[in-house]
Protein backbone atom coordinates (compact mmCIF):
# COMPACT_ATOMS: atom_id res chain seq x y z
CA MET A 1 58.66 118.83 155.10
CA PHE A 2 54.98 119.05 154.26
CA SER A 3 53.95 121.12 151.26
CA THR A 4 50.83 123.29 151.13
CA GLY A 5 48.76 120.75 149.21
CA SER A 6 49.88 117.86 151.38
CA LYS A 7 48.84 119.72 154.53
CA LEU A 8 45.32 120.07 153.07
CA PHE A 9 44.96 116.38 152.23
CA VAL A 10 46.61 115.19 155.44
CA GLY A 11 44.18 117.33 157.42
CA LEU A 12 41.18 116.03 155.47
CA ALA A 13 42.40 112.46 155.90
CA GLY A 14 42.77 113.02 159.65
CA LEU A 15 39.25 114.45 159.96
CA THR A 16 37.82 111.59 157.91
CA THR A 17 39.66 109.07 160.09
CA ALA A 18 38.18 110.64 163.22
CA ALA A 19 34.72 110.71 161.65
CA PHE A 20 35.08 107.06 160.66
CA ALA A 21 36.10 106.06 164.17
CA ILE A 22 33.33 108.01 165.90
CA TYR A 23 30.61 106.99 163.47
CA GLY A 24 31.77 103.38 163.44
CA ILE A 25 31.82 103.09 167.23
CA THR A 26 28.36 104.61 167.58
CA GLN A 27 26.92 102.45 164.80
CA ASN A 28 28.91 99.27 165.62
CA PHE A 29 30.65 99.50 162.22
CA GLY A 30 27.61 97.92 160.64
CA ALA A 31 26.07 100.83 158.75
CA LEU A 32 26.71 101.65 155.12
CA GLY A 33 28.04 105.05 156.18
CA SER A 34 31.00 103.38 157.88
CA LEU A 35 31.99 101.75 154.62
CA GLY A 36 31.70 105.06 152.76
CA LEU A 37 33.81 106.90 155.31
CA PHE A 38 36.43 104.14 155.22
CA PHE A 39 36.88 104.37 151.45
CA LEU A 40 36.92 108.19 151.63
CA MET A 41 39.65 107.97 154.26
CA VAL A 42 41.73 105.62 152.10
CA ALA A 43 41.29 107.88 149.05
CA LEU A 44 42.36 110.99 150.92
CA MET A 45 45.39 109.20 152.36
CA GLY A 46 46.36 108.15 148.84
CA LEU A 47 46.01 111.70 147.57
CA ALA A 48 48.08 113.02 150.49
CA THR A 49 50.83 110.49 149.71
CA ALA A 50 50.83 111.42 146.02
CA VAL A 51 51.02 115.17 146.76
CA ILE A 52 53.87 114.64 149.24
CA PHE A 53 55.74 112.58 146.65
CA THR A 54 55.31 115.17 143.89
CA ARG A 55 55.91 118.11 146.27
CA ASP A 56 52.96 119.98 144.76
CA GLY A 57 54.71 119.86 141.41
CA ASP A 58 57.04 122.65 142.56
CA ILE A 59 60.80 122.11 142.32
CA SER A 60 63.31 124.68 143.44
CA ALA A 61 66.01 125.43 140.90
CA MET A 62 68.55 125.39 143.74
CA ASP A 63 67.56 121.87 144.81
CA THR A 64 69.64 119.76 142.43
CA ALA A 65 68.53 116.42 143.88
CA ALA A 66 64.84 117.33 143.48
CA VAL A 67 65.34 118.44 139.89
CA GLN A 68 66.91 115.09 139.04
CA THR A 69 64.69 112.73 141.02
CA ALA A 70 61.24 114.29 141.56
CA SER A 71 58.49 113.03 139.29
CA SER A 72 57.38 116.58 138.57
CA GLY A 73 60.74 117.15 136.92
CA SER A 74 60.29 114.25 134.50
CA GLN A 75 59.28 114.74 130.88
CA PRO A 76 55.53 114.77 130.28
CA VAL A 77 53.76 111.64 129.08
CA GLY A 78 53.16 111.60 125.33
CA ASP A 79 49.80 111.55 123.60
CA SER A 80 47.91 108.29 123.85
CA MET A 81 44.74 106.86 122.32
CA TRP A 82 44.00 104.66 125.33
CA PRO A 83 41.91 107.24 127.24
CA PHE A 84 39.65 107.41 124.17
CA VAL A 85 39.51 103.59 123.99
CA ALA A 86 38.57 103.46 127.68
CA ALA A 87 35.77 105.96 127.08
CA VAL A 88 34.46 103.92 124.12
CA SER A 89 34.55 100.75 126.20
CA ALA A 90 32.54 102.50 128.93
CA VAL A 91 29.90 103.37 126.34
CA LEU A 92 29.94 99.75 125.16
CA LEU A 93 29.36 98.62 128.75
CA ILE A 94 26.27 100.82 129.01
CA VAL A 95 24.95 99.68 125.62
CA GLY A 96 25.53 96.06 126.61
CA LEU A 97 23.43 96.51 129.74
CA VAL A 98 20.54 97.66 127.54
CA THR A 99 20.84 95.39 124.50
CA ASP A 100 23.03 92.31 124.80
CA LYS A 101 25.15 91.11 127.73
CA ARG A 102 27.84 89.92 125.31
CA TYR A 103 28.56 93.53 124.42
CA PHE A 104 28.87 94.23 128.15
CA VAL A 105 31.48 91.47 128.47
CA ALA A 106 33.32 92.80 125.41
CA GLY A 107 33.29 96.34 126.82
CA LEU A 108 34.64 95.08 130.14
CA GLY A 109 37.48 93.26 128.40
CA ILE A 110 38.35 96.32 126.30
CA LEU A 111 38.31 98.50 129.41
CA VAL A 112 40.78 96.20 131.19
CA VAL A 113 43.08 96.21 128.14
CA ALA A 114 42.87 100.00 127.85
CA ILE A 115 43.77 100.48 131.53
CA VAL A 116 46.77 98.12 131.28
CA GLU A 117 48.00 99.75 128.06
CA TRP A 118 47.55 103.22 129.52
CA MET A 119 49.52 102.34 132.66
CA VAL A 120 52.38 100.69 130.75
CA ARG A 121 52.56 103.61 128.32
CA ALA A 122 52.72 106.16 131.15
CA TRP A 123 55.41 104.12 132.92
CA ALA A 124 57.51 103.67 129.77
CA ASP A 125 57.35 107.35 128.82
CA ARG A 126 58.92 108.25 132.18
CA SER A 127 61.61 105.55 132.14
CA SER A 128 64.26 107.88 130.74
CA ALA A 129 64.79 111.10 128.80
CA ASP A 130 65.32 109.15 125.56
CA THR A 131 62.01 108.75 123.70
CA ALA A 132 63.32 105.96 121.44
CA PHE A 133 64.56 103.99 124.44
CA ASN A 134 61.19 104.36 126.17
CA GLN A 135 59.34 103.13 123.09
CA GLY A 136 61.68 100.16 122.88
CA ILE A 137 60.95 99.19 126.48
CA ARG A 138 57.23 99.36 125.89
CA SER A 139 57.48 97.34 122.69
CA ARG A 140 59.49 94.55 124.32
CA ILE A 141 56.93 94.26 127.12
CA MET A 142 53.65 94.66 125.26
CA HIS A 143 54.12 93.48 121.65
CA PRO A 144 54.23 89.75 122.53
CA LEU A 145 50.81 90.24 124.13
CA GLU A 146 49.33 92.93 121.90
CA LEU A 147 49.73 91.42 118.46
CA PRO A 148 48.09 87.99 119.07
CA LEU A 149 45.33 89.44 121.23
CA ALA A 150 44.63 92.26 118.77
CA GLY A 151 44.31 89.75 115.91
CA LEU A 152 41.95 87.53 117.87
CA ALA A 153 39.87 90.46 119.10
CA GLY A 154 39.57 91.96 115.63
CA LEU A 155 38.55 88.62 114.14
CA ALA A 156 35.97 88.05 116.86
CA VAL A 157 34.50 91.54 116.40
CA VAL A 158 34.20 91.14 112.63
CA ILE A 159 32.66 87.67 112.82
CA TYR A 160 30.18 88.51 115.56
CA GLY A 161 29.24 91.92 114.16
CA PHE A 162 28.60 90.56 110.67
CA SER A 163 26.69 87.58 112.05
CA ARG A 164 24.31 89.90 113.95
CA MET A 165 23.80 91.99 110.82
CA MET A 166 23.16 88.95 108.66
CA VAL A 167 20.47 87.48 110.92
CA ALA A 168 18.76 90.86 111.30
CA ALA A 169 18.87 92.02 107.67
CA ASP A 170 16.40 90.98 105.00
CA LYS A 171 17.43 87.88 103.08
CA ASN A 172 17.77 89.95 99.91
CA ILE A 173 19.82 92.70 101.55
CA GLY A 174 22.16 90.42 103.54
CA PRO A 175 24.26 89.31 100.54
CA VAL A 176 24.65 92.95 99.48
CA ILE A 177 25.97 93.95 102.91
CA LEU A 178 28.36 91.02 102.92
CA GLY A 179 29.59 91.83 99.40
CA VAL A 180 30.14 95.51 100.17
CA GLY A 181 32.03 94.64 103.36
CA ALA A 182 34.24 92.15 101.54
CA ALA A 183 34.94 94.68 98.78
CA LEU A 184 35.96 97.32 101.32
CA VAL A 185 38.29 94.92 103.12
CA LEU A 186 39.84 93.88 99.79
CA GLY A 187 40.23 97.50 98.70
CA PHE A 188 41.95 98.61 101.87
CA GLY A 189 44.15 95.51 101.81
CA VAL A 190 45.31 96.33 98.28
CA SER A 191 45.95 99.95 99.31
CA PHE A 192 48.08 98.85 102.24
CA SER A 193 50.09 96.47 100.05
CA LYS A 194 50.67 99.14 97.37
CA LYS A 195 51.81 101.70 99.93
CA PRO A 196 53.92 99.89 102.54
CA ASN A 197 55.25 103.24 103.78
CA MET A 198 51.79 104.48 104.69
CA ARG A 199 51.72 106.28 108.00
CA ARG A 200 51.00 103.92 110.86
CA GLY A 201 48.51 106.34 112.39
CA LEU A 202 46.50 106.53 109.14
CA ALA A 203 46.35 102.74 108.80
CA ALA A 204 45.37 102.32 112.45
CA GLY A 205 42.70 105.01 112.06
CA ILE A 206 41.17 103.26 109.04
CA CYS A 207 41.11 99.92 110.86
CA ALA A 208 39.62 101.57 113.95
CA LEU A 209 36.86 103.22 111.90
CA GLY A 210 36.08 99.92 110.22
CA GLY A 211 35.91 98.13 113.54
CA ALA A 212 33.71 100.86 115.01
CA ALA A 213 31.36 100.57 112.02
CA VAL A 214 31.09 96.80 112.46
CA ILE A 215 30.48 97.18 116.21
CA ALA A 216 27.82 99.86 115.64
CA GLY A 217 26.10 97.72 113.00
CA GLY A 218 26.20 94.67 115.26
CA ILE A 219 24.76 96.62 118.21
CA ALA A 220 21.97 98.07 116.08
CA SER A 221 21.19 94.65 114.61
CA ALA A 222 21.19 92.98 118.03
CA SER A 223 18.72 95.57 119.32
CA VAL A 224 16.44 94.90 116.32
CA GLY A 225 16.64 91.11 116.67
CA GLN A 226 16.43 88.37 114.10
CA ARG A 227 14.39 88.72 110.96
CA HIS A 228 10.85 87.37 110.91
CA GLU A 229 11.55 84.11 109.07
CA LEU A 230 14.29 82.99 111.46
CA THR A 231 12.16 83.87 114.48
CA GLU A 232 9.24 81.81 113.17
CA ALA A 233 11.51 78.85 112.38
CA ARG A 234 13.00 78.93 115.85
CA GLU A 235 9.57 79.07 117.47
CA GLU A 236 8.36 76.13 115.36
CA ASP A 237 11.41 74.05 116.32
CA HIS A 238 10.95 74.99 119.99
CA PHE A 239 7.26 74.11 120.21
CA GLY A 240 7.74 71.00 118.07
CA SER A 241 10.44 69.66 120.36
CA ARG A 242 8.27 70.40 123.42
CA ASN A 243 5.40 68.39 121.93
CA GLY A 244 7.66 65.46 121.16
CA GLU A 245 7.63 66.06 117.42
CA ARG A 246 10.77 65.73 115.37
CA PRO A 247 11.12 67.38 111.99
CA CYS A 248 11.43 64.85 109.21
CA GLU A 249 14.57 64.82 107.14
CA GLY A 250 14.22 66.69 103.91
CA GLU A 251 11.51 69.04 105.18
């Protein structure tokens, strides 16, 4: 039996299908409008299927089977940080298009990870009514992938971000930045070791803020470019190699 919402989307999908057929036949399916109508038709069909499956989110109290099996009767998905991570990765994609394509690649990778994590989290939260059991399922699936990849990603972000800051900063300021960063890492490491029962959310928040600071500093430094001395040295090496000159050892 069709619900009210499903009737709306089924009707829109039918009209879009007819428009696609008529427009495609008249334009020999070669115009860009045919492609747009096709994707609109597929999207509306998907929405109609989803609304039929969820029954407009309305479950009758007398329908015992619907209460037990319908997705609208399941417990809501818990809070997740992955929508925020996906939004940050989208910003990183845009910044990478303007400044450095490597940030674009990094943002694309983070976006893929965020989407996968978000999907697995939503699936695990609806696996049963037991929250601990759902968390256990998610951990068994994702931890073997999350922990190594998170360590590698964090190391790559720190190394690349600091390298961009070092080549952009003045030669007298660079050691100060490096020393302050090392002191902060050491301080937080000591704090974590002294308080092993620290809340996981607090520790993750501190690490996330540190990573965001390194990323922001690396992006700003990449947009500024290398400092003047390194740029001149690179230009001298470039023009010297083009002229067939080789720098003497010891110079």
